[in-house]
N, C-alpha and C. Protein backbone atom coordinates (compact mmCIF):
# COMPACT_ATOMS: atom_id res chain seq x y z
N UNK A 1 -15.11 -1.97 14.74
CA UNK A 1 -14.46 -2.19 13.34
C UNK A 1 -14.97 -1.43 12.28
N UNK A 2 -16.26 -1.17 12.23
CA UNK A 2 -16.94 -0.46 11.23
C UNK A 2 -16.41 1.01 11.34
N UNK A 3 -16.43 1.51 12.60
CA UNK A 3 -15.95 2.88 12.85
C UNK A 3 -14.56 3.13 12.37
N UNK A 4 -13.63 2.10 12.61
CA UNK A 4 -12.26 2.22 12.09
C UNK A 4 -12.22 2.25 10.66
N UNK A 5 -12.95 1.35 9.96
CA UNK A 5 -12.88 1.52 8.49
C UNK A 5 -13.45 2.67 8.09
N UNK A 6 -14.51 3.28 8.74
CA UNK A 6 -15.15 4.48 8.21
C UNK A 6 -14.18 5.68 8.38
N UNK A 7 -13.50 5.76 9.46
CA UNK A 7 -12.54 6.78 9.73
C UNK A 7 -11.09 6.61 9.14
N UNK A 8 -10.96 5.57 8.26
CA UNK A 8 -9.57 5.32 7.92
C UNK A 8 -8.91 6.51 7.08
N UNK A 9 -9.68 7.09 6.15
CA UNK A 9 -9.27 8.18 5.37
C UNK A 9 -8.91 9.34 6.14
N UNK A 10 -9.70 9.58 7.21
CA UNK A 10 -9.35 10.61 8.08
C UNK A 10 -8.04 10.40 8.78
N UNK A 11 -7.86 9.28 9.11
CA UNK A 11 -6.62 9.03 9.94
C UNK A 11 -5.33 9.06 9.13
N UNK A 12 -5.52 8.55 7.79
CA UNK A 12 -4.33 8.51 6.95
C UNK A 12 -4.11 10.11 6.45
N UNK A 13 -5.12 10.88 6.35
CA UNK A 13 -4.90 12.21 5.84
C UNK A 13 -4.25 13.22 6.78
N UNK A 14 -4.21 12.81 8.10
CA UNK A 14 -3.50 13.63 9.06
C UNK A 14 -1.93 13.35 8.95
N UNK A 15 -1.51 12.39 8.24
CA UNK A 15 -0.12 12.26 8.15
C UNK A 15 0.44 12.99 7.07
N UNK A 16 1.93 13.16 7.25
CA UNK A 16 2.49 14.11 6.26
C UNK A 16 2.47 13.31 4.99
N UNK A 17 2.42 14.00 3.89
CA UNK A 17 2.37 13.27 2.51
C UNK A 17 3.50 12.24 2.30
N UNK A 18 4.79 12.57 2.75
CA UNK A 18 5.90 11.66 2.58
C UNK A 18 5.62 10.41 3.30
N UNK A 19 5.12 10.59 4.59
CA UNK A 19 4.87 9.36 5.40
C UNK A 19 3.65 8.49 4.86
N UNK A 20 2.78 9.24 4.29
CA UNK A 20 1.54 8.52 3.66
C UNK A 20 2.07 7.71 2.40
N UNK A 21 2.96 8.27 1.64
CA UNK A 21 3.50 7.52 0.44
C UNK A 21 4.20 6.32 0.92
N UNK A 22 5.13 6.45 2.05
CA UNK A 22 5.88 5.31 2.57
C UNK A 22 4.85 4.22 3.10
N UNK A 23 3.97 4.60 3.86
CA UNK A 23 3.01 3.56 4.42
C UNK A 23 2.31 2.86 3.38
N UNK A 24 1.78 3.47 2.42
CA UNK A 24 0.90 2.80 1.34
C UNK A 24 1.98 1.97 0.50
N UNK A 25 2.98 2.46 0.14
CA UNK A 25 4.06 1.62 -0.51
C UNK A 25 4.56 0.48 0.21
N UNK A 26 4.75 0.62 1.48
CA UNK A 26 5.26 -0.45 2.19
C UNK A 26 4.17 -1.59 2.28
N UNK A 27 2.94 -1.14 2.48
CA UNK A 27 1.76 -2.17 2.67
C UNK A 27 1.67 -2.92 1.28
N UNK A 28 1.82 -2.31 0.09
CA UNK A 28 1.62 -2.85 -1.25
C UNK A 28 2.76 -3.81 -1.32
N UNK A 29 4.10 -3.40 -0.93
CA UNK A 29 5.26 -4.13 -1.08
C UNK A 29 5.10 -5.38 -0.39
N UNK A 30 4.76 -5.32 0.93
CA UNK A 30 4.57 -6.48 1.84
C UNK A 30 3.43 -7.42 1.39
N UNK A 31 2.43 -6.85 0.84
CA UNK A 31 1.28 -7.72 0.34
C UNK A 31 1.76 -8.52 -0.88
N UNK A 32 2.50 -7.93 -1.69
CA UNK A 32 2.82 -8.63 -3.05
C UNK A 32 4.05 -9.55 -2.93
N UNK A 33 5.02 -9.01 -1.90
CA UNK A 33 6.28 -9.80 -1.93
C UNK A 33 6.37 -10.86 -0.77
N UNK A 34 5.73 -10.64 0.27
CA UNK A 34 6.10 -11.47 1.43
C UNK A 34 4.83 -12.14 1.79
N UNK A 35 4.90 -13.40 2.37
CA UNK A 35 3.78 -14.14 2.70
C UNK A 35 2.83 -13.60 3.72
N UNK A 36 3.12 -12.50 4.26
CA UNK A 36 2.24 -11.86 5.18
C UNK A 36 1.14 -11.09 4.58
N UNK A 37 1.19 -11.11 3.17
CA UNK A 37 0.26 -10.37 2.39
C UNK A 37 -1.26 -10.89 2.46
N UNK A 38 -1.29 -12.09 2.98
CA UNK A 38 -2.63 -12.69 3.07
C UNK A 38 -3.52 -11.75 4.10
N UNK A 39 -2.76 -11.05 5.16
CA UNK A 39 -3.58 -10.55 6.24
C UNK A 39 -3.65 -9.02 6.05
N UNK A 40 -3.17 -8.57 4.91
CA UNK A 40 -3.37 -7.06 4.70
C UNK A 40 -4.49 -6.93 3.75
N UNK A 41 -5.30 -5.80 3.91
CA UNK A 41 -6.22 -5.46 3.07
C UNK A 41 -5.79 -4.51 1.99
N UNK A 42 -5.14 -5.08 0.95
CA UNK A 42 -4.67 -4.36 -0.09
C UNK A 42 -5.48 -3.47 -0.86
N UNK A 43 -6.74 -4.04 -1.31
CA UNK A 43 -7.58 -3.25 -2.15
C UNK A 43 -8.27 -2.23 -1.31
N UNK A 44 -8.58 -2.37 -0.08
CA UNK A 44 -8.97 -1.35 0.57
C UNK A 44 -8.07 -0.17 0.89
N UNK A 45 -6.82 -0.57 1.03
CA UNK A 45 -5.69 0.42 1.29
C UNK A 45 -5.73 1.39 -0.09
N UNK A 46 -5.72 0.68 -1.30
CA UNK A 46 -5.58 1.49 -2.49
C UNK A 46 -6.75 2.28 -2.72
N UNK A 47 -7.88 1.84 -2.32
CA UNK A 47 -9.23 2.68 -2.37
C UNK A 47 -9.12 3.89 -1.47
N UNK A 48 -8.67 3.68 -0.33
CA UNK A 48 -8.60 4.65 0.72
C UNK A 48 -7.54 5.65 0.40
N UNK A 49 -6.35 5.17 -0.19
CA UNK A 49 -5.34 6.07 -0.64
C UNK A 49 -5.87 6.99 -1.69
N UNK A 50 -6.61 6.50 -2.71
CA UNK A 50 -7.14 7.26 -3.73
C UNK A 50 -8.20 8.35 -3.22
N UNK A 51 -8.91 7.94 -2.25
CA UNK A 51 -9.81 8.85 -1.53
C UNK A 51 -9.06 9.88 -0.90
N UNK A 52 -8.07 9.67 -0.14
CA UNK A 52 -7.25 10.73 0.48
C UNK A 52 -6.55 11.58 -0.56
N UNK A 53 -6.07 11.05 -1.53
CA UNK A 53 -5.37 11.88 -2.59
C UNK A 53 -6.45 12.77 -3.30
N UNK A 54 -7.66 12.31 -3.51
CA UNK A 54 -8.67 13.15 -4.15
C UNK A 54 -9.14 14.29 -3.21
N UNK A 55 -9.04 14.07 -1.94
CA UNK A 55 -9.75 15.00 -0.85
C UNK A 55 -8.77 16.09 -0.53
N UNK A 56 -7.43 15.68 -0.61
CA UNK A 56 -6.41 16.63 -0.05
C UNK A 56 -5.51 16.94 -1.40
N UNK A 57 -5.19 18.22 -1.40
CA UNK A 57 -4.37 18.74 -2.44
C UNK A 57 -2.94 18.52 -2.24
N UNK A 58 -2.39 18.12 -1.01
CA UNK A 58 -1.01 18.05 -0.79
C UNK A 58 -0.45 16.63 -1.16
N UNK A 59 -1.35 15.71 -1.67
CA UNK A 59 -0.89 14.39 -1.96
C UNK A 59 -1.00 14.32 -3.56
N UNK A 60 -0.09 14.02 -4.19
CA UNK A 60 -0.01 14.00 -5.68
C UNK A 60 -0.33 12.58 -6.18
N UNK A 61 -1.39 12.49 -6.96
CA UNK A 61 -1.71 11.24 -7.37
C UNK A 61 -0.94 10.56 -8.36
N UNK A 62 -0.14 11.35 -9.02
CA UNK A 62 0.82 10.75 -10.00
C UNK A 62 2.03 10.09 -9.25
N UNK A 63 2.47 10.75 -8.14
CA UNK A 63 3.45 10.19 -7.29
C UNK A 63 2.98 8.92 -6.59
N UNK A 64 1.73 9.03 -6.20
CA UNK A 64 1.20 7.83 -5.46
C UNK A 64 0.98 6.65 -6.37
N UNK A 65 0.53 6.85 -7.45
CA UNK A 65 0.43 5.70 -8.46
C UNK A 65 1.69 5.08 -8.87
N UNK A 66 2.74 6.05 -9.08
CA UNK A 66 4.08 5.51 -9.30
C UNK A 66 4.77 4.69 -8.08
N UNK A 67 4.49 5.13 -6.96
CA UNK A 67 4.94 4.40 -5.78
C UNK A 67 4.25 3.06 -5.62
N UNK A 68 2.87 3.07 -5.83
CA UNK A 68 2.22 1.90 -5.73
C UNK A 68 2.70 0.87 -6.89
N UNK A 69 2.92 1.40 -8.10
CA UNK A 69 3.32 0.48 -9.15
C UNK A 69 4.75 -0.09 -8.92
N UNK A 70 5.67 0.76 -8.39
CA UNK A 70 6.97 0.26 -8.07
C UNK A 70 7.00 -0.57 -6.94
N UNK A 71 6.16 -0.46 -5.90
CA UNK A 71 6.20 -1.25 -4.74
C UNK A 71 5.58 -2.67 -5.12
N UNK A 72 4.61 -2.65 -5.97
CA UNK A 72 3.87 -3.91 -6.41
C UNK A 72 5.04 -4.64 -7.32
N UNK A 73 5.63 -3.98 -8.26
CA UNK A 73 6.55 -4.74 -9.10
C UNK A 73 7.70 -5.26 -8.39
N UNK A 74 8.46 -4.47 -7.50
CA UNK A 74 9.51 -4.99 -6.77
C UNK A 74 9.00 -6.08 -5.65
N UNK A 75 7.92 -5.90 -5.08
CA UNK A 75 7.40 -6.87 -4.19
C UNK A 75 7.12 -8.18 -5.00
N UNK A 76 6.67 -8.13 -6.11
CA UNK A 76 6.43 -9.44 -6.94
C UNK A 76 7.85 -10.00 -7.18
N UNK A 77 8.79 -9.11 -7.62
CA UNK A 77 10.11 -9.79 -7.79
C UNK A 77 10.72 -10.40 -6.62
N UNK A 78 10.60 -9.70 -5.51
CA UNK A 78 11.07 -10.36 -4.20
C UNK A 78 10.41 -11.62 -3.87
N UNK A 79 9.03 -11.67 -4.08
CA UNK A 79 8.28 -12.84 -3.97
C UNK A 79 8.82 -14.08 -4.87
N UNK A 80 9.13 -13.66 -6.15
CA UNK A 80 9.60 -14.67 -7.04
C UNK A 80 10.91 -15.17 -6.58
N UNK A 81 11.85 -14.32 -6.12
CA UNK A 81 13.09 -14.84 -5.65
C UNK A 81 13.14 -15.55 -4.45
N UNK A 82 12.27 -15.18 -3.48
CA UNK A 82 12.00 -16.20 -2.32
C UNK A 82 11.45 -17.47 -2.66
N UNK A 83 10.58 -17.51 -3.67
CA UNK A 83 9.95 -18.81 -4.22
C UNK A 83 11.08 -19.64 -4.95
N UNK A 84 11.86 -18.94 -5.64
CA UNK A 84 12.89 -19.63 -6.43
C UNK A 84 13.98 -20.22 -5.52
N UNK A 85 14.37 -19.52 -4.37
CA UNK A 85 15.50 -19.93 -3.48
C UNK A 85 14.78 -21.01 -2.60
N UNK A 86 13.60 -20.75 -2.00
CA UNK A 86 13.17 -21.65 -0.95
C UNK A 86 12.06 -22.69 -1.48
N UNK A 87 11.62 -22.37 -2.64
CA UNK A 87 10.62 -23.45 -3.20
C UNK A 87 9.20 -22.97 -2.73
N UNK A 88 8.35 -23.75 -2.93
CA UNK A 88 6.85 -23.65 -2.74
C UNK A 88 6.69 -23.63 -1.26
N UNK A 89 5.74 -22.96 -0.77
CA UNK A 89 5.42 -23.14 0.78
C UNK A 89 4.68 -24.28 1.08
C-alpha cells in the first residue's frame, strides 16, 4: 500500500494531460456530490495532482485549479439537490 501511494504521482504523470484533468475532476466531483465520497482520498488526490502539475510542464496549474473548483462546486450542488429530493440519509 505504501509503494502504491509513493508511486502515485508517477502513475498519474504518464497519463495524457486531458485524461489527467478528467480523472482529477471526476474524483473531486464524486467526493463532493455523491455519497461515495467517503471512500475517496480527496486531499491526497489534490496534493498529488499539485505535485504532478509542478513536476511536468505539460499540465497547466491554472486549468487544473479551475477544473477542481468547478468539479467541487457542481458536485456540491448535485449533493444539495440529492439531499433536497431524497432527504437525509
